[in-house]
Amino acid sequence: MPHTLSAWQLQNSGSTASLRGIDTVDGTVAWASGTEGTVLKTTDGGAHWQKCAVPDEAKDGATLDFRGVEGWDAQTAIVMASGPGEKSRLYKTNDGCRTWKLLFRNPDAPNGFFDSFWLNDERGMLLGDPVGGKFVLFKTSNGGKTWKREPPEGLILHGRSLAAFAASNNSIARGNRQFAWGFVTGGKDGAVLFNRLSDPEEEGASGLVGRMVRKKVGWKTSSIALTHGAESSGAFSIAYRYPVTTGICQECKFEDNSRFVAVGGDYQKPNESAGTAASSTDGGWTWTAAVKPPHGFRSSVQWSEALKVWIAVGTNGSDVSRDDGKTWQPLDDGNWNALSLPFVVGPNGRIARLGPAAMASAPGKLK
């Protein structure tokens, strides 16, 4: 049965680029990015979208594919270009996107490919496809000014065919309050969560699994109950919400107070719903497939604290879950790549905002 498009209100982006990067600052200020060096910004909730200057326009900026964007306010943002070798870069603007500064270039060129990045306050991660049989991961502790390569221990593939997806800039775990050192992959050898248990250099930082601070650094992998077995399948997006209990518990573990949801499938089979969502109640140690999954491949998922629901989007529509990913109900049949609530983006310059009546049965409302 077809679903309506009323869940999302389409906006005029003024662009025909394929958009995969989206980040809202507060529901009023938001940034979007995509192919052909495209970066967009709104300061009025999406009523108007401004086309920004193209980073490195005088050189090859128009050939870059900006798969990810992180915004701090109307003046400050970082965009991630994803591409082979030196086409993978980070640029930053401090003047509302009138000018851009090259922040970081793929040091592994001609190899390598940036897939996802995320900054939470000053801490951040940058994930790239495997080079030399191991995943490439960089971290920052100063808001992206400098990046340090993560030691390869625990990131070595040992012959496994795995890679991350740059479909939505959501391969790195996203959530609130705690910075979670983890990312998801796909490929012939499965949908996998890579989780760093701790980082002693950063007091208070937390891995997906374990207590708030540990003494030893290490990576653990766990299988996610999602479709896998092909290079086009696996986990495309992971997000968490924390905390899920009330009150203060000094002895609680991170996994006791968190819920994780991962989505994916096979992007070459967008209408197949089996194996497109899974959830974890123990911080990522174990995963359970959705009893009623989304109605197709999903490339991005996010928890809405305001609405108390999870929303997932993909190339054949969007879905909502009110029970932490166990069951999903369709919202629409649109063509989407990524979301940063209340916004969603897709191909051909598609940008939309969650409609005011879309979640009438959910508690709360979006700003």
Protein backbone atom coordinates (compact mmCIF):
# COMPACT_ATOMS: atom_id res chain seq x y z
CA MET A 1 0.00 0.00 0.00
CA PRO A 2 1.49 3.38 -0.95
CA HIS A 3 2.18 5.88 1.79
CA THR A 4 1.69 9.63 1.63
CA LEU A 5 4.34 12.32 1.33
CA SER A 6 2.59 14.50 3.92
CA ALA A 7 5.05 13.53 6.65
CA TRP A 8 7.67 15.81 5.08
CA GLN A 9 7.14 19.31 3.73
CA LEU A 10 9.34 19.87 0.67
CA GLN A 11 11.45 23.04 0.58
CA ASN A 12 13.11 24.90 -2.27
CA SER A 13 16.83 24.24 -2.02
CA GLY A 14 17.68 26.08 -5.23
CA SER A 15 19.96 23.18 -6.14
CA THR A 16 19.86 20.02 -8.25
CA ALA A 17 22.80 18.39 -6.49
CA SER A 18 22.54 14.99 -4.83
CA LEU A 19 22.46 15.91 -1.14
CA ARG A 20 23.84 13.53 1.49
CA GLY A 21 25.10 15.92 4.16
CA ILE A 22 22.67 17.60 6.56
CA ASP A 23 23.17 19.05 10.04
CA THR A 24 20.77 21.20 12.00
CA VAL A 25 22.08 23.52 14.68
CA ASP A 26 18.77 24.34 16.33
CA GLY A 27 15.99 23.71 13.83
CA THR A 28 16.37 27.26 12.52
CA VAL A 29 20.00 27.27 11.37
CA ALA A 30 21.01 24.23 9.31
CA TRP A 31 23.65 23.20 6.76
CA ALA A 32 23.40 20.79 3.81
CA SER A 33 25.96 19.50 1.31
CA GLY A 34 26.31 17.32 -1.74
CA THR A 35 27.77 16.80 -5.20
CA GLU A 36 29.41 19.40 -7.46
CA GLY A 37 30.96 21.19 -4.48
CA THR A 38 27.53 22.09 -3.14
CA VAL A 39 27.09 23.57 0.34
CA LEU A 40 23.78 25.12 1.43
CA LYS A 41 22.71 27.02 4.54
CA THR A 42 19.44 28.21 6.05
CA THR A 43 18.95 30.64 8.91
CA ASP A 44 15.15 30.66 8.90
CA GLY A 45 14.18 27.01 9.34
CA GLY A 46 14.37 26.19 5.65
CA ALA A 47 12.10 28.92 4.28
CA HIS A 48 15.13 30.03 2.28
CA TRP A 49 18.30 28.09 1.46
CA GLN A 50 21.46 30.01 0.55
CA LYS A 51 24.00 28.54 -1.85
CA CYS A 52 27.46 28.90 -0.31
CA ALA A 53 30.76 29.59 -2.01
CA VAL A 54 32.31 26.41 -3.38
CA PRO A 55 35.39 25.35 -1.38
CA ASP A 56 38.49 25.50 -3.60
CA GLU A 57 36.33 26.69 -6.48
CA ALA A 58 39.30 28.05 -8.41
CA LYS A 59 40.91 24.61 -8.41
CA ASP A 60 38.73 21.49 -8.37
CA GLY A 61 36.02 22.35 -5.85
CA ALA A 62 33.18 21.80 -8.30
CA THR A 63 34.27 18.18 -8.69
CA LEU A 64 34.07 17.40 -4.96
CA ASP A 65 31.28 15.38 -3.37
CA PHE A 66 30.53 16.72 0.10
CA ARG A 67 28.97 13.71 1.84
CA GLY A 68 29.05 15.20 5.36
CA VAL A 69 28.65 18.54 7.12
CA GLU A 70 28.81 19.67 10.76
CA GLY A 71 27.55 23.10 11.77
CA TRP A 72 28.05 25.03 15.02
CA ASP A 73 26.13 28.19 14.19
CA ALA A 74 25.27 30.36 11.18
CA GLN A 75 28.94 31.28 10.71
CA THR A 76 30.86 28.09 11.42
CA ALA A 77 30.79 24.68 9.72
CA ILE A 78 33.02 21.88 8.46
CA VAL A 79 32.30 19.88 5.31
CA MET A 80 33.72 16.48 4.38
CA ALA A 81 34.49 15.62 0.77
CA SER A 82 34.35 11.90 0.03
CA GLY A 83 36.28 10.58 -2.92
CA PRO A 84 39.20 8.44 -4.00
CA GLY A 85 42.60 9.50 -2.73
CA GLU A 86 43.13 13.24 -2.42
CA LYS A 87 39.47 13.94 -3.28
CA SER A 88 38.75 13.16 0.39
CA ARG A 89 39.16 16.39 2.39
CA LEU A 90 37.80 18.58 5.20
CA TYR A 91 37.10 22.31 4.77
CA LYS A 92 36.04 24.83 7.39
CA THR A 93 34.30 28.20 7.23
CA ASN A 94 34.21 30.83 9.98
CA ASP A 95 32.46 33.56 8.03
CA GLY A 96 29.10 32.07 7.11
CA CYS A 97 30.47 30.13 4.09
CA ARG A 98 31.77 33.11 2.14
CA THR A 99 35.25 31.58 2.29
CA TRP A 100 36.65 28.15 3.15
CA LYS A 101 39.96 26.90 4.52
CA LEU A 102 41.37 23.45 3.75
CA LEU A 103 41.52 21.78 7.14
CA PHE A 104 42.68 18.24 6.39
CA ARG A 105 43.51 16.24 3.27
CA ASN A 106 43.58 12.45 2.99
CA PRO A 107 47.17 11.56 3.92
CA ASP A 108 46.90 8.10 2.32
CA ALA A 109 46.39 9.34 -1.25
CA PRO A 110 46.24 7.88 -3.83
CA ASN A 111 44.52 5.31 -1.63
CA GLY A 112 41.76 5.83 0.91
CA PHE A 113 38.24 7.24 0.94
CA PHE A 114 36.57 9.30 3.71
CA ASP A 115 33.20 7.88 4.79
CA SER A 116 31.99 9.66 7.90
CA PHE A 117 32.96 12.26 10.47
CA TRP A 118 31.39 13.69 13.61
CA LEU A 119 32.36 16.19 16.25
CA ASN A 120 30.76 16.39 19.69
CA ASP A 121 32.11 19.52 21.37
CA GLU A 122 35.89 19.36 20.90
CA ARG A 123 36.16 15.59 20.40
CA GLY A 124 35.69 14.05 17.01
CA MET A 125 36.23 11.08 14.70
CA LEU A 126 36.95 10.76 10.99
CA LEU A 127 36.46 7.33 9.40
CA GLY A 128 37.86 6.11 6.11
CA ASP A 129 37.74 2.89 4.11
CA PRO A 130 40.48 0.32 4.78
CA VAL A 131 43.98 1.02 3.51
CA GLY A 132 46.57 -1.71 3.72
CA GLY A 133 44.11 -4.15 5.29
CA LYS A 134 42.97 -1.95 8.18
CA PHE A 135 40.33 0.71 8.73
CA VAL A 136 41.55 4.30 8.71
CA LEU A 137 40.47 6.35 11.70
CA PHE A 138 41.52 9.80 12.86
CA LYS A 139 40.56 11.62 16.04
CA THR A 140 40.60 15.23 17.15
CA SER A 141 40.43 16.78 20.59
CA ASN A 142 40.46 20.41 19.49
CA GLY A 143 37.36 20.77 17.35
CA GLY A 144 38.97 19.56 14.12
CA LYS A 145 42.00 21.87 14.05
CA THR A 146 44.33 18.87 14.05
CA TRP A 147 43.76 15.16 13.51
CA LYS A 148 45.71 12.22 14.93
CA ARG A 149 45.71 8.77 13.35
CA GLU A 150 44.29 6.03 15.57
CA PRO A 151 46.71 3.12 16.12
CA PRO A 152 45.84 0.17 13.87
CA GLU A 153 45.47 -2.41 16.65
CA GLY A 154 41.90 -3.65 16.59
CA LEU A 155 41.19 -2.06 13.19
CA ILE A 156 42.97 -4.76 11.15
CA LEU A 157 40.60 -6.75 8.94
CA HIS A 158 42.49 -10.06 9.05
CA GLY A 159 41.28 -10.94 5.57
CA ARG A 160 37.65 -9.93 6.12
CA SER A 161 35.86 -8.07 3.33
CA LEU A 162 34.48 -5.03 5.18
CA ALA A 163 34.05 -1.34 4.39
CA ALA A 164 32.15 1.66 5.69
CA PHE A 165 29.43 3.46 3.73
CA ALA A 166 29.43 7.17 2.89
CA ALA A 167 25.72 7.20 2.07
CA SER A 168 24.68 9.59 4.84
CA ASN A 169 27.69 10.49 7.01
CA ASN A 170 26.13 8.23 9.66
CA SER A 171 28.56 5.31 9.92
CA ILE A 172 29.90 6.77 13.18
CA ALA A 173 27.67 6.38 16.23
CA ARG A 174 25.73 9.57 16.93
CA GLY A 175 23.78 10.52 19.98
CA ASN A 176 23.61 12.93 22.88
CA ARG A 177 25.76 13.79 25.90
CA GLN A 178 28.38 11.02 25.68
CA PHE A 179 30.88 10.75 22.84
CA ALA A 180 30.69 7.15 21.66
CA TRP A 181 33.79 5.79 19.98
CA GLY A 182 32.21 3.38 17.51
CA PHE A 183 31.33 2.85 13.86
CA VAL A 184 29.46 0.33 11.72
CA THR A 185 30.43 -1.42 8.51
CA GLY A 186 29.10 -3.64 5.80
CA GLY A 187 30.39 -5.79 2.98
CA LYS A 188 30.61 -9.44 2.09
CA ASP A 189 31.67 -10.46 5.60
CA GLY A 190 28.82 -8.90 7.47
CA ALA A 191 27.34 -5.92 9.28
CA VAL A 192 29.78 -5.19 12.10
CA LEU A 193 30.10 -2.73 14.96
CA PHE A 194 33.65 -1.61 15.80
CA ASN A 195 33.72 -0.27 19.34
CA ARG A 196 36.61 1.33 21.17
CA LEU A 197 36.22 0.57 24.85
CA SER A 198 37.92 3.70 26.17
CA ASP A 199 40.37 6.52 25.70
CA PRO A 200 42.40 7.41 28.77
CA GLU A 201 43.54 10.66 27.17
CA GLU A 202 40.03 12.06 27.33
CA GLU A 203 38.47 12.04 30.78
CA GLY A 204 34.79 11.28 30.58
CA ALA A 205 34.82 9.94 27.04
CA SER A 206 33.04 6.64 26.66
CA GLY A 207 33.05 3.70 24.32
CA LEU A 208 29.79 2.10 23.30
CA VAL A 209 30.39 -0.72 25.74
CA GLY A 210 31.58 -0.51 29.30
CA ARG A 211 31.76 1.92 32.17
CA MET A 212 32.16 5.64 31.67
CA VAL A 213 35.96 5.55 32.03
CA ARG A 214 38.25 2.54 31.58
CA LYS A 215 41.97 2.15 32.06
CA LYS A 216 42.74 0.14 28.93
CA VAL A 217 42.22 1.02 25.30
CA GLY A 218 40.95 -1.66 22.97
CA TRP A 219 38.58 -2.38 20.11
CA LYS A 220 35.88 -5.01 20.05
CA THR A 221 33.71 -6.09 17.14
CA SER A 222 30.20 -7.46 17.28
CA SER A 223 27.88 -8.67 14.55
CA ILE A 224 24.70 -6.70 13.83
CA ALA A 225 21.53 -8.49 12.80
CA LEU A 226 21.23 -6.78 9.41
CA THR A 227 21.30 -7.98 5.81
CA HIS A 228 24.85 -8.73 4.66
CA GLY A 229 26.83 -10.90 2.27
CA ALA A 230 27.20 -8.45 -0.62
CA GLU A 231 29.48 -5.45 -1.04
CA SER A 232 26.35 -3.28 -1.26
CA SER A 233 24.84 -4.50 2.02
CA GLY A 234 25.34 -4.13 5.74
CA ALA A 235 25.02 -1.41 8.38
CA PHE A 236 24.80 2.13 7.03
CA SER A 237 23.88 4.15 10.10
CA ILE A 238 24.01 3.83 13.88
CA ALA A 239 22.63 6.11 16.58
CA TYR A 240 22.04 5.95 20.30
CA ARG A 241 20.03 7.70 22.98
CA TYR A 242 21.34 8.26 26.48
CA PRO A 243 20.19 8.09 29.19
CA VAL A 244 17.05 5.99 29.08
CA THR A 245 16.50 5.88 32.85
CA THR A 246 15.62 8.65 35.27
CA GLY A 247 17.62 9.79 38.24
CA ILE A 248 21.37 9.71 38.83
CA CYS A 249 23.25 6.45 39.16
CA GLN A 250 26.96 6.78 39.84
CA GLU A 251 27.58 3.05 39.42
CA CYS A 252 25.55 2.53 36.27
CA LYS A 253 27.35 1.34 33.16
CA PHE A 254 26.91 3.17 29.87
CA GLU A 255 25.14 0.12 28.42
CA ASP A 256 22.64 0.10 31.29
CA ASN A 257 21.45 3.58 30.39
CA SER A 258 21.58 3.54 26.59
CA ARG A 259 19.70 2.22 23.58
CA PHE A 260 21.22 1.74 20.14
CA VAL A 261 19.59 1.38 16.73
CA ALA A 262 21.35 0.48 13.47
CA VAL A 263 19.80 0.52 10.01
CA GLY A 264 20.91 -0.60 6.58
CA GLY A 265 20.12 -3.39 4.16
CA ASP A 266 21.21 -3.59 0.54
CA TYR A 267 21.15 -0.31 -1.39
CA GLN A 268 20.91 -2.23 -4.65
CA LYS A 269 17.66 -3.78 -3.38
CA PRO A 270 15.92 -0.71 -1.92
CA ASN A 271 12.47 -2.30 -1.61
CA GLU A 272 13.53 -5.34 0.43
CA SER A 273 12.59 -4.82 4.06
CA ALA A 274 14.16 -7.87 5.72
CA GLY A 275 17.30 -7.09 7.70
CA THR A 276 17.01 -3.30 7.52
CA ALA A 277 16.97 -2.45 11.25
CA ALA A 278 18.30 -3.88 14.51
CA SER A 279 18.57 -2.66 18.09
CA SER A 280 20.76 -3.22 21.13
CA THR A 281 19.92 -2.81 24.81
CA ASP A 282 23.38 -3.63 26.14
CA GLY A 283 25.53 -0.99 24.52
CA GLY A 284 26.26 -2.92 21.34
CA TRP A 285 27.32 -6.29 22.74
CA THR A 286 24.33 -8.05 21.17
CA TRP A 287 21.81 -7.04 18.52
CA THR A 288 18.23 -8.07 17.79
CA ALA A 289 16.61 -7.72 14.38
CA ALA A 290 13.45 -5.64 14.21
CA VAL A 291 10.28 -7.71 14.47
CA LYS A 292 8.61 -5.39 11.99
CA PRO A 293 11.40 -3.67 10.01
CA PRO A 294 11.26 -0.50 7.90
CA HIS A 295 9.68 -0.98 4.49
CA GLY A 296 13.02 -0.90 2.64
CA PHE A 297 16.72 -0.11 2.70
CA ARG A 298 17.59 2.64 5.19
CA SER A 299 20.73 4.80 5.14
CA SER A 300 20.13 7.10 8.13
CA VAL A 301 18.50 6.86 11.56
CA GLN A 302 18.05 9.31 14.43
CA TRP A 303 16.37 9.51 17.82
CA SER A 304 14.07 12.47 18.42
CA GLU A 305 14.10 13.41 22.08
CA ALA A 306 11.30 15.89 21.47
CA LEU A 307 9.00 13.31 19.88
CA LYS A 308 10.30 10.26 21.78
CA VAL A 309 10.59 8.28 18.53
CA TRP A 310 13.20 6.93 16.14
CA ILE A 311 13.03 7.95 12.48
CA ALA A 312 14.84 6.19 9.63
CA VAL A 313 15.08 7.21 5.98
CA GLY A 314 16.23 5.63 2.74
CA THR A 315 15.82 5.68 -1.00
CA ASN A 316 12.24 4.36 -0.93
CA GLY A 317 10.89 6.31 2.03
CA SER A 318 10.93 6.81 5.78
CA ASP A 319 9.67 5.00 8.86
CA VAL A 320 9.11 5.66 12.56
CA SER A 321 9.59 3.47 15.64
CA ARG A 322 8.08 4.19 19.06
CA ASP A 323 9.51 1.12 20.81
CA ASP A 324 13.29 1.54 20.41
CA GLY A 325 13.52 -0.11 17.02
CA LYS A 326 11.49 -3.26 17.61
CA THR A 327 8.72 -2.29 15.20
CA TRP A 328 8.51 0.35 12.48
CA GLN A 329 5.62 2.08 10.72
CA PRO A 330 5.92 3.85 7.34
CA LEU A 331 5.90 7.64 7.10
CA ASP A 332 6.31 8.16 3.36
CA ASP A 333 7.63 6.74 0.07
CA GLY A 334 10.03 9.54 -0.80
CA ASN A 335 13.63 9.26 -1.96
CA TRP A 336 15.96 10.27 0.88
CA ASN A 337 19.64 9.90 1.80
CA ALA A 338 20.14 11.42 5.25
CA LEU A 339 18.44 13.26 8.05
CA SER A 340 19.19 15.66 10.85
CA LEU A 341 15.84 16.29 12.42
CA PRO A 342 13.71 18.09 11.56
CA PHE A 343 15.37 18.09 8.09
CA VAL A 344 15.86 15.35 5.52
CA VAL A 345 17.78 15.46 2.22
CA GLY A 346 17.95 13.41 -0.96
CA PRO A 347 18.86 13.44 -4.66
CA ASN A 348 18.13 16.28 -7.10
CA GLY A 349 18.36 18.93 -4.40
CA ARG A 350 15.55 17.47 -2.30
CA ILE A 351 15.25 19.00 1.16
CA ALA A 352 12.22 18.67 3.40
CA ARG A 353 11.20 19.43 6.95
CA LEU A 354 9.13 17.15 9.17
CA GLY A 355 5.55 18.36 8.92
CA PRO A 356 3.73 19.65 12.01
CA ALA A 357 0.99 17.02 11.71
CA ALA A 358 3.26 14.11 10.77
CA MET A 359 3.70 12.88 14.31
CA ALA A 360 0.30 13.75 15.73
CA SER A 361 0.21 10.61 17.84
CA ALA A 362 3.72 11.10 19.27
CA PRO A 363 4.34 13.02 22.48
CA GLY A 364 5.97 16.42 22.15
CA LYS A 365 6.68 18.31 18.96
CA LEU A 366 9.65 19.53 16.98
CA LYS A 367 10.66 23.17 17.11
